[in-house]
Protein backbone atom coordinates (compact mmCIF):
# COMPACT_ATOMS: atom_id res chain seq x y z
CA UNK A 1 0.00 0.00 0.00
CA UNK A 2 1.25 3.45 -0.85
CA UNK A 3 1.79 5.75 2.11
CA UNK A 4 -0.64 8.39 0.87
CA UNK A 5 -3.29 5.89 -0.19
CA UNK A 6 -6.55 6.04 1.75
CA UNK A 7 -8.31 2.71 2.08
CA UNK A 8 -12.08 2.70 2.42
CA UNK A 9 -14.90 0.24 2.14
CA UNK A 10 -17.72 1.12 -0.27
CA UNK A 11 -19.79 2.20 2.75
CA UNK A 12 -17.00 4.50 3.93
CA UNK A 13 -16.62 6.03 0.47
CA UNK A 14 -20.35 6.72 0.26
CA UNK A 15 -20.32 8.33 3.71
CA UNK A 16 -17.48 10.69 2.76
CA UNK A 17 -19.11 11.56 -0.57
CA UNK A 18 -22.40 12.31 1.22
CA UNK A 19 -20.63 14.54 3.75
CA UNK A 20 -18.87 16.41 0.95
CA UNK A 21 -22.13 16.92 -0.96
CA UNK A 22 -23.87 18.13 2.22
CA UNK A 23 -21.10 20.65 2.87
CA UNK A 24 -20.89 21.90 -0.71
CA UNK A 25 -24.56 22.09 -1.63
CA UNK A 26 -26.43 22.61 1.65
CA UNK A 27 -24.12 24.01 4.32
CA UNK A 28 -22.46 26.54 1.97
CA UNK A 29 -25.86 28.08 1.18
CA UNK A 30 -26.84 28.11 4.85
CA UNK A 31 -23.59 29.85 5.81
CA UNK A 32 -23.92 32.36 2.99
CA UNK A 33 -27.37 33.27 4.33
CA UNK A 34 -25.98 33.57 7.89
CA UNK A 35 -23.19 35.84 6.70
CA UNK A 36 -25.58 37.98 4.67
CA UNK A 37 -27.88 38.36 7.69
CA UNK A 38 -24.96 39.18 9.97
CA UNK A 39 -23.70 41.83 7.53
CA UNK A 40 -27.12 43.45 7.62
CA UNK A 41 -26.59 44.14 11.35
CA UNK A 42 -23.82 46.58 10.41
CA UNK A 43 -20.46 47.35 12.05
CA UNK A 44 -18.53 44.17 11.23
CA UNK A 45 -15.75 44.93 13.74
CA UNK A 46 -17.94 44.11 16.73
CA UNK A 47 -20.44 41.83 15.03
CA UNK A 48 -20.17 38.47 16.83
CA UNK A 49 -22.69 36.78 14.50
CA UNK A 50 -20.59 37.76 11.50
CA UNK A 51 -17.32 36.57 13.05
CA UNK A 52 -18.91 33.29 14.17
CA UNK A 53 -20.29 32.65 10.69
CA UNK A 54 -16.93 33.46 9.08
CA UNK A 55 -15.15 31.04 11.46
CA UNK A 56 -17.69 28.35 10.61
CA UNK A 57 -17.17 29.08 6.93
CA UNK A 58 -13.39 28.73 7.25
CA UNK A 59 -13.79 25.42 9.09
CA UNK A 60 -16.25 24.14 6.48
CA UNK A 61 -14.07 25.15 3.52
CA UNK A 62 -11.09 23.44 5.15
CA UNK A 63 -13.14 20.27 5.60
CA UNK A 64 -14.26 20.43 1.94
CA UNK A 65 -10.63 20.72 0.85
CA UNK A 66 -9.59 17.79 3.06
CA UNK A 67 -12.40 15.55 1.79
CA UNK A 68 -11.76 16.49 -1.84
CA UNK A 69 -8.05 15.66 -1.53
CA UNK A 70 -8.90 12.47 0.34
CA UNK A 71 -11.20 11.25 -2.44
CA UNK A 72 -8.36 11.62 -4.95
CA UNK A 73 -6.28 9.09 -2.96
CA UNK A 74 -8.99 6.53 -2.21
CA UNK A 75 -8.73 2.83 -2.88
CA UNK A 76 -12.02 1.06 -2.28
CA UNK A 77 -11.89 -2.45 -0.88
CA UNK A 78 -14.70 -4.71 -2.05
CA UNK A 79 -15.22 -7.29 0.69
CA UNK A 80 -17.26 -9.53 -1.60
CA UNK A 81 -14.16 -10.23 -3.70
CA UNK A 82 -11.82 -10.97 -0.80
CA UNK A 83 -10.58 -14.34 0.38
CA UNK A 84 -12.30 -14.99 3.71
CA UNK A 85 -9.80 -17.63 4.79
CA UNK A 86 -7.73 -14.90 6.47
CA UNK A 87 -8.50 -11.50 7.95
CA UNK A 88 -8.11 -8.55 5.62
CA UNK A 89 -9.30 -4.97 5.29
CA UNK A 90 -13.02 -4.91 4.55
CA UNK A 91 -13.79 -8.17 6.33
CA UNK A 92 -15.42 -8.75 9.70
CA UNK A 93 -13.54 -10.73 12.34
CA UNK A 94 -15.56 -12.50 15.02
CA UNK A 95 -13.49 -12.95 18.16
CA UNK A 96 -13.78 -14.58 21.52
CA UNK A 97 -12.22 -12.62 24.38
CA UNK A 98 -10.57 -15.56 26.14
CA UNK A 99 -10.47 -14.01 29.62
CA UNK A 100 -14.11 -12.90 29.69
CA UNK A 101 -15.58 -15.49 27.27
CA UNK A 102 -17.17 -12.62 25.37
CA UNK A 103 -17.95 -12.68 21.64
CA UNK A 104 -16.89 -9.51 19.81
CA UNK A 105 -17.15 -8.58 16.12
CA UNK A 106 -14.97 -5.99 14.40
CA UNK A 107 -15.00 -4.89 10.80
CA UNK A 108 -11.47 -4.07 9.67
CA UNK A 109 -11.43 -0.73 7.86
CA UNK A 110 -9.10 2.11 6.92
CA UNK A 111 -8.29 4.73 9.54
CA UNK A 112 -10.62 7.31 7.98
CA UNK A 113 -13.73 5.25 8.71
CA UNK A 114 -12.71 3.60 11.99
CA UNK A 115 -15.41 3.94 14.66
CA UNK A 116 -15.08 1.70 17.72
CA UNK A 117 -18.67 2.45 18.79
CA UNK A 118 -19.81 1.00 15.45
CA UNK A 119 -17.36 -1.97 15.81
CA UNK A 120 -15.14 -0.72 13.00
CA UNK A 121 -11.42 -0.74 13.76
CA UNK A 122 -8.53 0.44 11.67
CA UNK A 123 -6.09 -2.06 10.22
CA UNK A 124 -3.47 0.27 11.71
CA UNK A 125 -4.77 -0.08 15.29
CA UNK A 126 -2.97 -2.51 17.62
CA UNK A 127 -5.74 -5.12 17.31
CA UNK A 128 -6.17 -4.48 13.60
CA UNK A 129 -2.45 -5.03 12.98
CA UNK A 130 -2.55 -8.31 14.88
CA UNK A 131 -5.66 -9.53 13.04
CA UNK A 132 -4.49 -8.94 9.47
CA UNK A 133 -3.56 -12.26 7.89
CA UNK A 134 -4.85 -14.42 10.76
CA UNK A 135 -7.03 -17.49 10.18
CA UNK A 136 -9.96 -19.00 12.06
CA UNK A 137 -8.67 -20.74 15.20
CA UNK A 138 -5.66 -18.46 15.60
CA UNK A 139 -5.00 -16.85 18.98
CA UNK A 140 -4.37 -13.12 18.83
CA UNK A 141 -2.51 -11.32 21.61
CA UNK A 142 -2.74 -7.55 21.92
CA UNK A 143 -0.81 -5.44 24.40
CA UNK A 144 -3.08 -2.94 26.11
CA UNK A 145 -2.55 -0.59 29.08
CA UNK A 146 -4.17 -3.22 31.34
CA UNK A 147 -1.92 -5.98 30.04
CA UNK A 148 -2.08 -8.57 27.29
CA UNK A 149 -5.54 -9.36 25.94
CA UNK A 150 -6.01 -12.70 24.21
CA UNK A 151 -8.63 -13.41 21.58
CA UNK A 152 -9.48 -16.50 19.58
CA UNK A 153 -10.51 -15.86 15.98
CA UNK A 154 -13.86 -17.65 15.55
CA UNK A 155 -15.07 -16.50 12.14
CA UNK A 156 -14.19 -14.28 9.18
CA UNK A 157 -17.02 -12.77 7.14
CA UNK A 158 -17.54 -10.49 4.16
CA UNK A 159 -20.54 -8.42 5.28
C-alpha atoms as a PDB file:
ATOM      1  CA  UNK A   1       0.000   0.000   0.000  1.00  0.00           C
ATOM      2  CA  UNK A   2       1.246   3.454  -0.855  1.00  0.00           C
ATOM      3  CA  UNK A   3       1.794   5.751   2.109  1.00  0.00           C
ATOM      4  CA  UNK A   4      -0.640   8.387   0.873  1.00  0.00           C
ATOM      5  CA  UNK A   5      -3.291   5.889  -0.187  1.00  0.00           C
ATOM      6  CA  UNK A   6      -6.554   6.043   1.747  1.00  0.00           C
ATOM      7  CA  UNK A   7      -8.306   2.707   2.076  1.00  0.00           C
ATOM      8  CA  UNK A   8     -12.076   2.697   2.420  1.00  0.00           C
ATOM      9  CA  UNK A   9     -14.904   0.242   2.139  1.00  0.00           C
ATOM     10  CA  UNK A  10     -17.717   1.125  -0.272  1.00  0.00           C
ATOM     11  CA  UNK A  11     -19.785   2.197   2.745  1.00  0.00           C
ATOM     12  CA  UNK A  12     -16.995   4.501   3.929  1.00  0.00           C
ATOM     13  CA  UNK A  13     -16.620   6.031   0.470  1.00  0.00           C
ATOM     14  CA  UNK A  14     -20.354   6.719   0.263  1.00  0.00           C
ATOM     15  CA  UNK A  15     -20.319   8.326   3.715  1.00  0.00           C
ATOM     16  CA  UNK A  16     -17.476  10.686   2.763  1.00  0.00           C
ATOM     17  CA  UNK A  17     -19.107  11.558  -0.571  1.00  0.00           C
ATOM     18  CA  UNK A  18     -22.396  12.308   1.222  1.00  0.00           C
ATOM     19  CA  UNK A  19     -20.627  14.543   3.753  1.00  0.00           C
ATOM     20  CA  UNK A  20     -18.867  16.414   0.947  1.00  0.00           C
ATOM     21  CA  UNK A  21     -22.131  16.917  -0.960  1.00  0.00           C
ATOM     22  CA  UNK A  22     -23.866  18.132   2.218  1.00  0.00           C
ATOM     23  CA  UNK A  23     -21.100  20.649   2.870  1.00  0.00           C
ATOM     24  CA  UNK A  24     -20.894  21.895  -0.711  1.00  0.00           C
ATOM     25  CA  UNK A  25     -24.559  22.091  -1.625  1.00  0.00           C
ATOM     26  CA  UNK A  26     -26.432  22.614   1.654  1.00  0.00           C
ATOM     27  CA  UNK A  27     -24.116  24.007   4.321  1.00  0.00           C
ATOM     28  CA  UNK A  28     -22.463  26.544   1.974  1.00  0.00           C
ATOM     29  CA  UNK A  29     -25.862  28.079   1.180  1.00  0.00           C
ATOM     30  CA  UNK A  30     -26.840  28.115   4.854  1.00  0.00           C
ATOM     31  CA  UNK A  31     -23.591  29.846   5.814  1.00  0.00           C
ATOM     32  CA  UNK A  32     -23.915  32.362   2.993  1.00  0.00           C
ATOM     33  CA  UNK A  33     -27.373  33.267   4.330  1.00  0.00           C
ATOM     34  CA  UNK A  34     -25.983  33.565   7.888  1.00  0.00           C
ATOM     35  CA  UNK A  35     -23.185  35.840   6.704  1.00  0.00           C
ATOM     36  CA  UNK A  36     -25.581  37.979   4.669  1.00  0.00           C
ATOM     37  CA  UNK A  37     -27.877  38.361   7.685  1.00  0.00           C
ATOM     38  CA  UNK A  38     -24.958  39.184   9.975  1.00  0.00           C
ATOM     39  CA  UNK A  39     -23.697  41.828   7.535  1.00  0.00           C
ATOM     40  CA  UNK A  40     -27.124  43.454   7.621  1.00  0.00           C
ATOM     41  CA  UNK A  41     -26.587  44.138  11.350  1.00  0.00           C
ATOM     42  CA  UNK A  42     -23.819  46.581  10.408  1.00  0.00           C
ATOM     43  CA  UNK A  43     -20.456  47.350  12.048  1.00  0.00           C
ATOM     44  CA  UNK A  44     -18.530  44.174  11.229  1.00  0.00           C
ATOM     45  CA  UNK A  45     -15.754  44.933  13.743  1.00  0.00           C
ATOM     46  CA  UNK A  46     -17.937  44.108  16.728  1.00  0.00           C
ATOM     47  CA  UNK A  47     -20.441  41.826  15.034  1.00  0.00           C
ATOM     48  CA  UNK A  48     -20.172  38.470  16.833  1.00  0.00           C
ATOM     49  CA  UNK A  49     -22.692  36.782  14.502  1.00  0.00           C
ATOM     50  CA  UNK A  50     -20.588  37.756  11.499  1.00  0.00           C
ATOM     51  CA  UNK A  51     -17.320  36.575  13.053  1.00  0.00           C
ATOM     52  CA  UNK A  52     -18.909  33.293  14.168  1.00  0.00           C
ATOM     53  CA  UNK A  53     -20.290  32.651  10.686  1.00  0.00           C
ATOM     54  CA  UNK A  54     -16.927  33.462   9.079  1.00  0.00           C
ATOM     55  CA  UNK A  55     -15.151  31.042  11.463  1.00  0.00           C
ATOM     56  CA  UNK A  56     -17.690  28.348  10.613  1.00  0.00           C
ATOM     57  CA  UNK A  57     -17.171  29.078   6.930  1.00  0.00           C
ATOM     58  CA  UNK A  58     -13.385  28.727   7.248  1.00  0.00           C
ATOM     59  CA  UNK A  59     -13.787  25.418   9.090  1.00  0.00           C
ATOM     60  CA  UNK A  60     -16.248  24.144   6.476  1.00  0.00           C
ATOM     61  CA  UNK A  61     -14.065  25.149   3.523  1.00  0.00           C
ATOM     62  CA  UNK A  62     -11.087  23.436   5.148  1.00  0.00           C
ATOM     63  CA  UNK A  63     -13.140  20.269   5.599  1.00  0.00           C
ATOM     64  CA  UNK A  64     -14.264  20.434   1.944  1.00  0.00           C
ATOM     65  CA  UNK A  65     -10.626  20.724   0.855  1.00  0.00           C
ATOM     66  CA  UNK A  66      -9.588  17.793   3.059  1.00  0.00           C
ATOM     67  CA  UNK A  67     -12.399  15.550   1.788  1.00  0.00           C
ATOM     68  CA  UNK A  68     -11.759  16.493  -1.842  1.00  0.00           C
ATOM     69  CA  UNK A  69      -8.045  15.664  -1.530  1.00  0.00           C
ATOM     70  CA  UNK A  70      -8.900  12.470   0.337  1.00  0.00           C
ATOM     71  CA  UNK A  71     -11.196  11.251  -2.436  1.00  0.00           C
ATOM     72  CA  UNK A  72      -8.356  11.616  -4.953  1.00  0.00           C
ATOM     73  CA  UNK A  73      -6.283   9.092  -2.961  1.00  0.00           C
ATOM     74  CA  UNK A  74      -8.992   6.528  -2.206  1.00  0.00           C
ATOM     75  CA  UNK A  75      -8.729   2.832  -2.876  1.00  0.00           C
ATOM     76  CA  UNK A  76     -12.025   1.064  -2.280  1.00  0.00           C
ATOM     77  CA  UNK A  77     -11.887  -2.450  -0.879  1.00  0.00           C
ATOM     78  CA  UNK A  78     -14.703  -4.705  -2.050  1.00  0.00           C
ATOM     79  CA  UNK A  79     -15.218  -7.288   0.689  1.00  0.00           C
ATOM     80  CA  UNK A  80     -17.259  -9.530  -1.596  1.00  0.00           C
ATOM     81  CA  UNK A  81     -14.162 -10.234  -3.705  1.00  0.00           C
ATOM     82  CA  UNK A  82     -11.820 -10.968  -0.805  1.00  0.00           C
ATOM     83  CA  UNK A  83     -10.585 -14.337   0.382  1.00  0.00           C
ATOM     84  CA  UNK A  84     -12.302 -14.989   3.710  1.00  0.00           C
ATOM     85  CA  UNK A  85      -9.803 -17.632   4.791  1.00  0.00           C
ATOM     86  CA  UNK A  86      -7.730 -14.904   6.474  1.00  0.00           C
ATOM     87  CA  UNK A  87      -8.502 -11.500   7.951  1.00  0.00           C
ATOM     88  CA  UNK A  88      -8.105  -8.550   5.617  1.00  0.00           C
ATOM     89  CA  UNK A  89      -9.299  -4.968   5.289  1.00  0.00           C
ATOM     90  CA  UNK A  90     -13.019  -4.909   4.548  1.00  0.00           C
ATOM     91  CA  UNK A  91     -13.792  -8.169   6.334  1.00  0.00           C
ATOM     92  CA  UNK A  92     -15.424  -8.750   9.705  1.00  0.00           C
ATOM     93  CA  UNK A  93     -13.539 -10.734  12.336  1.00  0.00           C
ATOM     94  CA  UNK A  94     -15.561 -12.505  15.018  1.00  0.00           C
ATOM     95  CA  UNK A  95     -13.490 -12.947  18.160  1.00  0.00           C
ATOM     96  CA  UNK A  96     -13.784 -14.582  21.525  1.00  0.00           C
ATOM     97  CA  UNK A  97     -12.217 -12.623  24.384  1.00  0.00           C
ATOM     98  CA  UNK A  98     -10.573 -15.560  26.135  1.00  0.00           C
ATOM     99  CA  UNK A  99     -10.472 -14.013  29.624  1.00  0.00           C
ATOM    100  CA  UNK A 100     -14.110 -12.900  29.689  1.00  0.00           C
ATOM    101  CA  UNK A 101     -15.578 -15.492  27.267  1.00  0.00           C
ATOM    102  CA  UNK A 102     -17.168 -12.623  25.367  1.00  0.00           C
ATOM    103  CA  UNK A 103     -17.952 -12.679  21.643  1.00  0.00           C
ATOM    104  CA  UNK A 104     -16.888  -9.508  19.806  1.00  0.00           C
ATOM    105  CA  UNK A 105     -17.152  -8.576  16.118  1.00  0.00           C
ATOM    106  CA  UNK A 106     -14.973  -5.990  14.401  1.00  0.00           C
ATOM    107  CA  UNK A 107     -15.001  -4.885  10.797  1.00  0.00           C
ATOM    108  CA  UNK A 108     -11.468  -4.072   9.669  1.00  0.00           C
ATOM    109  CA  UNK A 109     -11.431  -0.728   7.865  1.00  0.00           C
ATOM    110  CA  UNK A 110      -9.103   2.110   6.923  1.00  0.00           C
ATOM    111  CA  UNK A 111      -8.287   4.733   9.543  1.00  0.00           C
ATOM    112  CA  UNK A 112     -10.621   7.309   7.975  1.00  0.00           C
ATOM    113  CA  UNK A 113     -13.728   5.252   8.714  1.00  0.00           C
ATOM    114  CA  UNK A 114     -12.713   3.603  11.986  1.00  0.00           C
ATOM    115  CA  UNK A 115     -15.409   3.936  14.659  1.00  0.00           C
ATOM    116  CA  UNK A 116     -15.081   1.701  17.716  1.00  0.00           C
ATOM    117  CA  UNK A 117     -18.665   2.449  18.789  1.00  0.00           C
ATOM    118  CA  UNK A 118     -19.807   1.000  15.450  1.00  0.00           C
ATOM    119  CA  UNK A 119     -17.364  -1.965  15.814  1.00  0.00           C
ATOM    120  CA  UNK A 120     -15.140  -0.717  12.998  1.00  0.00           C
ATOM    121  CA  UNK A 121     -11.424  -0.742  13.764  1.00  0.00           C
ATOM    122  CA  UNK A 122      -8.527   0.436  11.668  1.00  0.00           C
ATOM    123  CA  UNK A 123      -6.090  -2.060  10.221  1.00  0.00           C
ATOM    124  CA  UNK A 124      -3.467   0.269  11.713  1.00  0.00           C
ATOM    125  CA  UNK A 125      -4.770  -0.080  15.290  1.00  0.00           C
ATOM    126  CA  UNK A 126      -2.967  -2.513  17.621  1.00  0.00           C
ATOM    127  CA  UNK A 127      -5.744  -5.117  17.313  1.00  0.00           C
ATOM    128  CA  UNK A 128      -6.171  -4.481  13.595  1.00  0.00           C
ATOM    129  CA  UNK A 129      -2.447  -5.031  12.979  1.00  0.00           C
ATOM    130  CA  UNK A 130      -2.550  -8.312  14.882  1.00  0.00           C
ATOM    131  CA  UNK A 131      -5.657  -9.529  13.043  1.00  0.00           C
ATOM    132  CA  UNK A 132      -4.488  -8.939   9.466  1.00  0.00           C
ATOM    133  CA  UNK A 133      -3.563 -12.263   7.887  1.00  0.00           C
ATOM    134  CA  UNK A 134      -4.853 -14.420  10.756  1.00  0.00           C
ATOM    135  CA  UNK A 135      -7.032 -17.493  10.179  1.00  0.00           C
ATOM    136  CA  UNK A 136      -9.956 -19.002  12.065  1.00  0.00           C
ATOM    137  CA  UNK A 137      -8.668 -20.744  15.204  1.00  0.00           C
ATOM    138  CA  UNK A 138      -5.656 -18.462  15.598  1.00  0.00           C
ATOM    139  CA  UNK A 139      -4.995 -16.848  18.985  1.00  0.00           C
ATOM    140  CA  UNK A 140      -4.375 -13.119  18.835  1.00  0.00           C
ATOM    141  CA  UNK A 141      -2.512 -11.318  21.614  1.00  0.00           C
ATOM    142  CA  UNK A 142      -2.740  -7.554  21.925  1.00  0.00           C
ATOM    143  CA  UNK A 143      -0.812  -5.444  24.398  1.00  0.00           C
ATOM    144  CA  UNK A 144      -3.080  -2.938  26.109  1.00  0.00           C
ATOM    145  CA  UNK A 145      -2.554  -0.592  29.077  1.00  0.00           C
ATOM    146  CA  UNK A 146      -4.167  -3.216  31.344  1.00  0.00           C
ATOM    147  CA  UNK A 147      -1.921  -5.982  30.042  1.00  0.00           C
ATOM    148  CA  UNK A 148      -2.077  -8.575  27.295  1.00  0.00           C
ATOM    149  CA  UNK A 149      -5.538  -9.356  25.940  1.00  0.00           C
ATOM    150  CA  UNK A 150      -6.014 -12.701  24.208  1.00  0.00           C
ATOM    151  CA  UNK A 151      -8.627 -13.415  21.578  1.00  0.00           C
ATOM    152  CA  UNK A 152      -9.483 -16.501  19.584  1.00  0.00           C
ATOM    153  CA  UNK A 153     -10.513 -15.855  15.980  1.00  0.00           C
ATOM    154  CA  UNK A 154     -13.863 -17.645  15.549  1.00  0.00           C
ATOM    155  CA  UNK A 155     -15.070 -16.497  12.142  1.00  0.00           C
ATOM    156  CA  UNK A 156     -14.193 -14.279   9.179  1.00  0.00           C
ATOM    157  CA  UNK A 157     -17.023 -12.775   7.138  1.00  0.00           C
ATOM    158  CA  UNK A 158     -17.543 -10.492   4.162  1.00  0.00           C
ATOM    159  CA  UNK A 159     -20.544  -8.425   5.277  1.00  0.00           C
END
